[in-house]
Amino acid sequence: MKMNPLGRTGMMVSELCLGTMTFGTQTSEADAHAQIDMALAAGVNFVDTAEMYPVNPVSKETVGDSEAIIGNWNEKTGRRSDYILATKHSGEGLAAVRDGEAISSKTIAPTIEGSLKRLKTDYIDLYQFHWPNRGSYMFRKNWSYDPSGQNREETLANMEDCLEALQAQVDKGNIRAFGLSNESAWGTAQWLRLSEEKGHPRVASIQNEYSLLCRMYDTDLAELSVNEDVGLMAFSPLATGLLTGKYQNGAVPEASRKTLNPDLGGRHSPRVYDAVDAYLAIARKHGLDPVHMALAWCRTRPFMASAIFGATTVPQLEHALRSVEVTLTPEILEEIDAAHRAHPMPY
């Protein structure tokens, strides 16, 4: 398993990261623990979660359950020091957590304490803000994104307030590093500028959606990542299962995500299945499993820190882990680029 730097933190993370958002709903605690065991045995040293997890659905009753399942594994095995643990602070608009209260110095300390308690650990390696208080163009909001209602002074003042609170948590030993999620190039640049001016925790990573079907990161954020050493933690690298091909021709496998979330978070569209067909054809031509091709492609991106993939079942995890054995040739990469030009932004 290849290791990549996590920003300028000195920590090294595996090219694949185990995502845990189904732990507690679609994935039982026993299966979740088996997945952590299997991932670490395969060389994965990076596990990502969030206080709002599990999903499908998100509810007040289950908030924190994924962290608690990981915490029980930590307690049972005593192996907390064997991996890099990332979690996230929910924010504005998610009624299930703190009634949608925005991220601020008021919320950071108690939220971290809650995560530490559930995770049964003394420290969090990477603490991420799940989305910006000012809003985000992620999750299909890009089609009508309008930042003109933002208040720049309020945004920057909140960033400074949060960075001071994060520094206090670093000083206490509760967190080691700070990351963003669902962020933009401008937002990340401001976090970086303020942290460097004030000597506060520097952004180590950005967790944004990225896959063969969703490549918004390829322009301004790619440049920022490379020049500022802020790597991408790609979520949904299999596009919620679309890139496996299992939903082609109207198929909806039993117990799949589409049975719980029919529009796949806005990814179901009239054009997406033609795009998937194009990538499946490339995989067939070269004798590749489409899951392995999609994950191996992530490794070729110059800004990639780690691709976060989730597995509902242990066999799915075992299959995905074999992607590290696949290397894509220049010919395959050229065909992927051609497919992207033919099917840009399919959802």
Protein backbone atom coordinates (compact mmCIF):
# COMPACT_ATOMS: atom_id res chain seq x y z
CA MET A 1 0.00 0.00 0.00
CA LYS A 2 1.52 3.31 -1.08
CA MET A 3 1.75 6.04 1.57
CA ASN A 4 1.25 9.74 0.87
CA PRO A 5 1.99 12.79 3.02
CA LEU A 6 -0.95 14.33 4.87
CA GLY A 7 -0.20 17.94 4.05
CA ARG A 8 2.76 19.26 6.03
CA THR A 9 1.82 17.41 9.22
CA GLY A 10 4.54 14.76 8.98
CA MET A 11 1.87 12.05 9.03
CA MET A 12 1.76 9.55 6.16
CA VAL A 13 -1.56 8.07 5.05
CA SER A 14 -2.39 5.09 2.86
CA GLU A 15 -3.59 5.69 -0.69
CA LEU A 16 -6.90 4.10 0.31
CA CYS A 17 -8.91 5.24 3.31
CA LEU A 18 -11.66 3.20 4.94
CA GLY A 19 -14.91 5.17 5.00
CA THR A 20 -17.37 4.33 7.78
CA MET A 21 -20.57 6.20 7.00
CA THR A 22 -22.62 2.97 6.85
CA PHE A 23 -21.38 1.69 10.22
CA GLY A 24 -24.50 1.41 12.34
CA THR A 25 -27.14 1.33 9.60
CA GLN A 26 -26.27 -0.79 6.58
CA THR A 27 -23.22 -2.30 8.28
CA SER A 28 -23.54 -4.03 11.66
CA GLU A 29 -20.99 -3.51 14.42
CA ALA A 30 -19.59 -7.03 13.96
CA ASP A 31 -19.10 -6.48 10.23
CA ALA A 32 -17.68 -3.01 10.85
CA HIS A 33 -15.06 -4.42 13.20
CA ALA A 34 -14.21 -7.12 10.67
CA GLN A 35 -13.77 -4.41 8.04
CA ILE A 36 -11.34 -2.44 10.21
CA ASP A 37 -9.36 -5.63 10.86
CA MET A 38 -9.24 -6.47 7.16
CA ALA A 39 -8.31 -2.95 6.05
CA LEU A 40 -5.43 -2.67 8.51
CA ALA A 41 -4.18 -6.13 7.57
CA ALA A 42 -4.11 -5.01 3.92
CA GLY A 43 -1.96 -1.98 4.72
CA VAL A 44 -4.64 0.69 5.11
CA ASN A 45 -3.69 3.02 7.97
CA PHE A 46 -6.39 5.65 7.49
CA VAL A 47 -10.00 5.56 8.78
CA ASP A 48 -12.49 8.38 8.19
CA THR A 49 -15.72 9.01 10.07
CA ALA A 50 -17.91 11.92 11.22
CA GLU A 51 -20.07 12.81 14.18
CA MET A 52 -23.20 12.81 11.95
CA TYR A 53 -22.65 9.23 10.71
CA PRO A 54 -24.19 6.81 9.93
CA VAL A 55 -26.12 7.87 6.85
CA ASN A 56 -28.94 6.21 4.90
CA PRO A 57 -30.64 7.83 6.69
CA VAL A 58 -29.13 10.53 8.91
CA SER A 59 -31.23 10.89 12.07
CA LYS A 60 -30.92 12.37 15.54
CA GLU A 61 -31.29 8.88 16.98
CA THR A 62 -28.20 7.53 15.20
CA VAL A 63 -25.87 10.55 15.26
CA GLY A 64 -22.50 9.41 16.62
CA ASP A 65 -23.15 5.69 16.19
CA SER A 66 -20.35 5.21 13.62
CA GLU A 67 -17.84 6.86 15.95
CA ALA A 68 -19.08 4.68 18.83
CA ILE A 69 -18.58 1.51 16.77
CA ILE A 70 -15.01 2.55 15.99
CA GLY A 71 -14.53 3.40 19.67
CA ASN A 72 -15.63 -0.07 20.69
CA TRP A 73 -13.07 -1.52 18.27
CA ASN A 74 -10.38 0.74 19.75
CA GLU A 75 -11.25 -0.42 23.26
CA LYS A 76 -11.52 -4.10 22.33
CA THR A 77 -8.26 -4.30 20.37
CA GLY A 78 -6.03 -1.69 21.99
CA ARG A 79 -4.82 -0.78 18.50
CA ARG A 80 -5.70 2.90 18.39
CA SER A 81 -2.07 3.84 17.66
CA ASP A 82 -1.96 1.59 14.58
CA TYR A 83 -3.84 3.97 12.29
CA ILE A 84 -4.63 7.60 11.44
CA LEU A 85 -8.14 8.54 12.60
CA ALA A 86 -10.12 11.34 10.95
CA THR A 87 -13.52 12.66 11.96
CA LYS A 88 -15.64 15.72 11.20
CA HIS A 89 -17.61 18.52 12.85
CA SER A 90 -21.10 19.01 11.37
CA GLY A 91 -22.34 22.54 10.82
CA GLU A 92 -24.97 24.92 9.58
CA GLY A 93 -28.12 23.38 8.19
CA LEU A 94 -27.99 19.82 9.53
CA ALA A 95 -30.90 19.77 11.93
CA ALA A 96 -30.00 16.33 13.30
CA VAL A 97 -26.87 17.72 14.99
CA ARG A 98 -27.14 20.67 17.39
CA ASP A 99 -30.28 21.79 15.50
CA GLY A 100 -28.10 23.00 12.64
CA GLU A 101 -25.88 25.32 14.68
CA ALA A 102 -22.97 26.78 12.71
CA ILE A 103 -19.35 25.84 13.43
CA SER A 104 -17.71 28.29 15.84
CA SER A 105 -15.48 28.49 18.90
CA LYS A 106 -18.63 27.83 20.93
CA THR A 107 -19.21 24.44 19.28
CA ILE A 108 -15.68 23.16 18.61
CA ALA A 109 -14.54 22.19 22.11
CA PRO A 110 -17.71 20.30 23.19
CA THR A 111 -18.01 18.64 19.79
CA ILE A 112 -14.44 17.35 19.96
CA GLU A 113 -15.01 16.12 23.50
CA GLY A 114 -18.08 14.23 22.32
CA SER A 115 -16.15 12.59 19.49
CA LEU A 116 -13.26 11.66 21.78
CA LYS A 117 -15.67 10.03 24.20
CA ARG A 118 -17.45 8.02 21.52
CA LEU A 119 -14.21 7.05 19.79
CA LYS A 120 -12.68 6.02 23.13
CA THR A 121 -9.43 7.75 22.35
CA ASP A 122 -7.36 10.58 23.77
CA TYR A 123 -6.70 12.24 20.42
CA ILE A 124 -8.00 12.72 16.88
CA ASP A 125 -5.35 12.74 14.16
CA LEU A 126 -7.28 14.80 11.61
CA TYR A 127 -10.20 16.99 12.62
CA GLN A 128 -12.26 18.26 9.69
CA PHE A 129 -15.03 20.81 9.22
CA HIS A 130 -17.68 18.91 7.29
CA TRP A 131 -18.80 21.89 5.17
CA PRO A 132 -18.44 25.69 5.27
CA ASN A 133 -20.83 27.80 7.30
CA ARG A 134 -21.30 30.07 4.27
CA GLY A 135 -22.52 27.18 2.11
CA SER A 136 -20.94 25.09 -0.60
CA TYR A 137 -21.40 24.24 -4.27
CA MET A 138 -20.95 20.52 -3.54
CA PHE A 139 -23.74 17.91 -3.75
CA ARG A 140 -25.13 19.23 -7.06
CA LYS A 141 -25.54 22.78 -5.77
CA ASN A 142 -22.99 23.84 -8.40
CA TRP A 143 -25.76 24.13 -11.01
CA SER A 144 -27.23 27.20 -9.32
CA TYR A 145 -24.36 28.29 -7.05
CA ASP A 146 -24.42 31.99 -6.19
CA PRO A 147 -21.94 33.33 -3.59
CA SER A 148 -23.12 36.94 -3.87
CA GLY A 149 -25.03 36.73 -0.58
CA GLN A 150 -21.91 35.96 1.42
CA ASN A 151 -20.48 38.47 3.89
CA ARG A 152 -16.71 38.40 3.49
CA GLU A 153 -15.93 40.09 6.80
CA GLU A 154 -18.18 37.74 8.75
CA THR A 155 -16.70 34.71 7.00
CA LEU A 156 -13.11 35.73 7.77
CA ALA A 157 -13.95 36.65 11.36
CA ASN A 158 -15.52 33.21 11.86
CA MET A 159 -12.45 31.53 10.35
CA GLU A 160 -10.18 33.36 12.80
CA ASP A 161 -12.47 32.47 15.68
CA CYS A 162 -12.43 28.78 14.69
CA LEU A 163 -8.65 28.69 14.17
CA GLU A 164 -8.09 30.06 17.68
CA ALA A 165 -10.37 27.37 19.09
CA LEU A 166 -8.58 24.68 17.06
CA GLN A 167 -5.22 25.89 18.36
CA ALA A 168 -6.48 25.45 21.90
CA GLN A 169 -7.43 21.87 21.05
CA VAL A 170 -3.98 21.21 19.56
CA ASP A 171 -2.38 22.64 22.69
CA LYS A 172 -4.48 20.28 24.83
CA GLY A 173 -3.45 17.31 22.68
CA ASN A 174 -7.02 16.59 21.58
CA ILE A 175 -6.29 16.96 17.87
CA ARG A 176 -3.15 16.73 15.76
CA ALA A 177 -4.18 18.32 12.48
CA PHE A 178 -6.98 20.24 10.78
CA GLY A 179 -8.75 19.56 7.49
CA LEU A 180 -11.62 20.88 5.41
CA SER A 181 -14.44 19.20 3.51
CA ASN A 182 -16.77 20.35 0.73
CA GLU A 183 -14.62 23.47 0.38
CA SER A 184 -13.74 25.79 -2.49
CA ALA A 185 -10.40 27.16 -3.66
CA TRP A 186 -11.16 30.63 -2.25
CA GLY A 187 -12.23 29.24 1.11
CA THR A 188 -9.20 27.00 1.43
CA ALA A 189 -6.88 29.84 0.46
CA GLN A 190 -8.35 32.02 3.20
CA TRP A 191 -7.98 29.31 5.83
CA LEU A 192 -4.35 28.89 4.76
CA ARG A 193 -3.64 32.63 4.79
CA LEU A 194 -5.15 33.21 8.20
CA SER A 195 -3.48 30.18 9.76
CA GLU A 196 -0.08 31.26 8.51
CA GLU A 197 -0.60 34.88 9.60
CA LYS A 198 -1.70 33.87 13.10
CA GLY A 199 0.44 30.75 13.57
CA HIS A 200 -2.64 28.54 13.97
CA PRO A 201 -3.22 25.00 12.63
CA ARG A 202 -2.63 24.84 8.89
CA VAL A 203 -5.06 23.07 6.56
CA ALA A 204 -3.69 19.60 5.87
CA SER A 205 -6.32 18.22 3.50
CA ILE A 206 -9.60 18.78 1.69
CA GLN A 207 -12.26 16.07 1.60
CA ASN A 208 -14.34 16.71 -1.51
CA GLU A 209 -16.26 14.47 -3.87
CA TYR A 210 -14.09 13.18 -6.71
CA SER A 211 -14.45 10.34 -9.18
CA LEU A 212 -14.44 9.58 -12.89
CA LEU A 213 -17.94 11.08 -12.92
CA CYS A 214 -17.29 14.12 -10.70
CA ARG A 215 -14.14 16.06 -11.56
CA MET A 216 -14.78 19.59 -10.30
CA TYR A 217 -11.50 19.38 -8.37
CA ASP A 218 -9.40 19.27 -11.54
CA THR A 219 -8.91 23.01 -12.01
CA ASP A 220 -8.39 25.63 -9.29
CA LEU A 221 -8.40 23.21 -6.38
CA ALA A 222 -5.87 20.94 -8.10
CA GLU A 223 -3.49 23.88 -8.47
CA LEU A 224 -4.00 24.90 -4.85
CA SER A 225 -3.45 21.32 -3.64
CA VAL A 226 -0.16 20.89 -5.46
CA ASN A 227 1.31 24.30 -4.64
CA GLU A 228 0.16 24.44 -1.02
CA ASP A 229 0.61 20.77 -0.04
CA VAL A 230 -3.06 20.30 0.76
CA GLY A 231 -3.97 16.84 -0.52
CA LEU A 232 -7.38 15.67 -1.62
CA MET A 233 -9.23 13.04 0.38
CA ALA A 234 -11.63 11.94 -2.35
CA PHE A 235 -15.04 10.80 -1.19
CA SER A 236 -17.39 8.76 -3.39
CA PRO A 237 -14.59 7.61 -5.74
CA LEU A 238 -17.01 4.93 -7.00
CA ALA A 239 -19.80 7.51 -7.37
CA THR A 240 -22.04 5.79 -4.79
CA GLY A 241 -21.69 2.52 -6.69
CA LEU A 242 -22.55 3.85 -10.15
CA LEU A 243 -19.06 3.08 -11.45
CA THR A 244 -19.39 -0.57 -10.48
CA GLY A 245 -22.03 -0.93 -13.19
CA LYS A 246 -24.52 -2.49 -10.80
CA TYR A 247 -27.21 0.11 -11.55
CA GLN A 248 -27.05 -0.11 -15.34
CA ASN A 249 -30.17 -0.86 -17.37
CA GLY A 250 -32.46 0.06 -14.48
CA ALA A 251 -31.07 -2.52 -12.06
CA VAL A 252 -31.50 -1.88 -8.33
CA PRO A 253 -29.78 -4.69 -6.39
CA GLU A 254 -31.37 -5.73 -3.11
CA ALA A 255 -30.01 -3.85 -0.06
CA SER A 256 -28.01 -1.50 -2.31
CA ARG A 257 -27.77 2.22 -1.57
CA LYS A 258 -30.27 2.93 -4.33
CA THR A 259 -32.96 1.05 -2.42
CA LEU A 260 -32.56 3.56 0.39
CA ASN A 261 -31.71 6.66 -1.64
CA PRO A 262 -33.25 6.30 -5.13
CA ASP A 263 -31.63 9.41 -6.64
CA LEU A 264 -28.23 8.62 -5.08
CA GLY A 265 -27.86 12.09 -3.66
CA GLY A 266 -28.67 13.73 -6.99
CA ARG A 267 -26.31 11.51 -9.01
CA HIS A 268 -29.11 9.65 -10.78
CA SER A 269 -29.68 11.51 -14.04
CA PRO A 270 -30.63 10.76 -17.66
CA ARG A 271 -26.99 11.20 -18.75
CA VAL A 272 -25.06 9.39 -16.05
CA TYR A 273 -25.65 5.85 -17.30
CA ASP A 274 -24.23 6.64 -20.74
CA ALA A 275 -21.14 8.01 -19.01
CA VAL A 276 -20.86 4.89 -16.88
CA ASP A 277 -21.17 2.76 -20.04
CA ALA A 278 -18.18 4.58 -21.51
CA TYR A 279 -16.00 3.75 -18.49
CA LEU A 280 -17.27 0.18 -18.31
CA ALA A 281 -16.30 -0.26 -21.98
CA ILE A 282 -12.74 0.88 -21.22
CA ALA A 283 -12.52 -1.58 -18.34
CA ARG A 284 -13.81 -4.45 -20.50
CA LYS A 285 -11.42 -3.62 -23.34
CA HIS A 286 -8.42 -3.85 -21.04
CA GLY A 287 -9.62 -6.75 -18.89
CA LEU A 288 -10.03 -4.63 -15.79
CA ASP A 289 -12.59 -4.75 -13.02
CA PRO A 290 -14.39 -1.37 -13.10
CA VAL A 291 -14.01 -0.93 -9.32
CA HIS A 292 -10.27 -1.50 -9.57
CA MET A 293 -9.97 0.84 -12.55
CA ALA A 294 -11.87 3.67 -10.81
CA LEU A 295 -9.79 3.44 -7.64
CA ALA A 296 -6.50 2.95 -9.50
CA TRP A 297 -7.26 6.07 -11.55
CA CYS A 298 -7.52 8.10 -8.33
CA ARG A 299 -3.91 7.13 -7.56
CA THR A 300 -2.73 8.78 -10.77
CA ARG A 301 -3.98 12.24 -9.82
CA PRO A 302 -1.17 14.60 -8.76
CA PHE A 303 -3.10 16.06 -5.83
CA MET A 304 -4.43 12.84 -4.27
CA ALA A 305 -3.71 12.10 -0.62
CA SER A 306 -6.18 9.22 -0.22
CA ALA A 307 -9.35 7.87 -1.81
CA ILE A 308 -12.07 7.16 0.75
CA PHE A 309 -14.20 4.18 -0.11
CA GLY A 310 -16.92 2.55 1.89
CA ALA A 311 -18.10 -1.04 1.82
CA THR A 312 -21.42 -2.25 3.09
CA THR A 313 -20.09 -5.80 3.42
CA VAL A 314 -16.77 -7.49 4.10
CA PRO A 315 -16.65 -9.12 0.61
CA GLN A 316 -17.09 -5.69 -0.99
CA LEU A 317 -14.17 -4.39 1.05
CA GLU A 318 -12.00 -7.36 0.13
CA HIS A 319 -12.72 -6.76 -3.55
CA ALA A 320 -11.98 -3.02 -3.43
CA LEU A 321 -8.68 -3.52 -1.61
CA ARG A 322 -7.32 -5.45 -4.58
CA SER A 323 -7.37 -2.23 -6.61
CA VAL A 324 -3.86 -1.45 -5.35
CA GLU A 325 -2.58 -4.30 -7.54
CA VAL A 326 -3.74 -2.47 -10.69
CA THR A 327 -1.64 0.08 -12.59
CA LEU A 328 -3.24 1.95 -15.47
CA THR A 329 -1.26 2.31 -18.71
CA PRO A 330 -0.91 5.60 -20.61
CA GLU A 331 -3.31 4.18 -23.23
CA ILE A 332 -6.00 3.56 -20.60
CA LEU A 333 -5.52 7.02 -19.13
CA GLU A 334 -5.92 8.59 -22.57
CA GLU A 335 -9.15 6.66 -23.13
CA ILE A 336 -10.43 7.78 -19.72
CA ASP A 337 -9.71 11.40 -20.62
CA ALA A 338 -11.54 10.97 -23.93
CA ALA A 339 -14.55 9.52 -22.12
CA HIS A 340 -14.50 12.46 -19.72
CA ARG A 341 -14.52 14.96 -22.59
CA ALA A 342 -17.43 13.11 -24.18
CA HIS A 343 -19.41 12.92 -20.92
CA PRO A 344 -18.50 15.93 -18.76
CA MET A 345 -20.47 16.63 -15.60
CA PRO A 346 -23.04 13.85 -16.09
CA TYR A 347 -24.90 14.74 -12.87
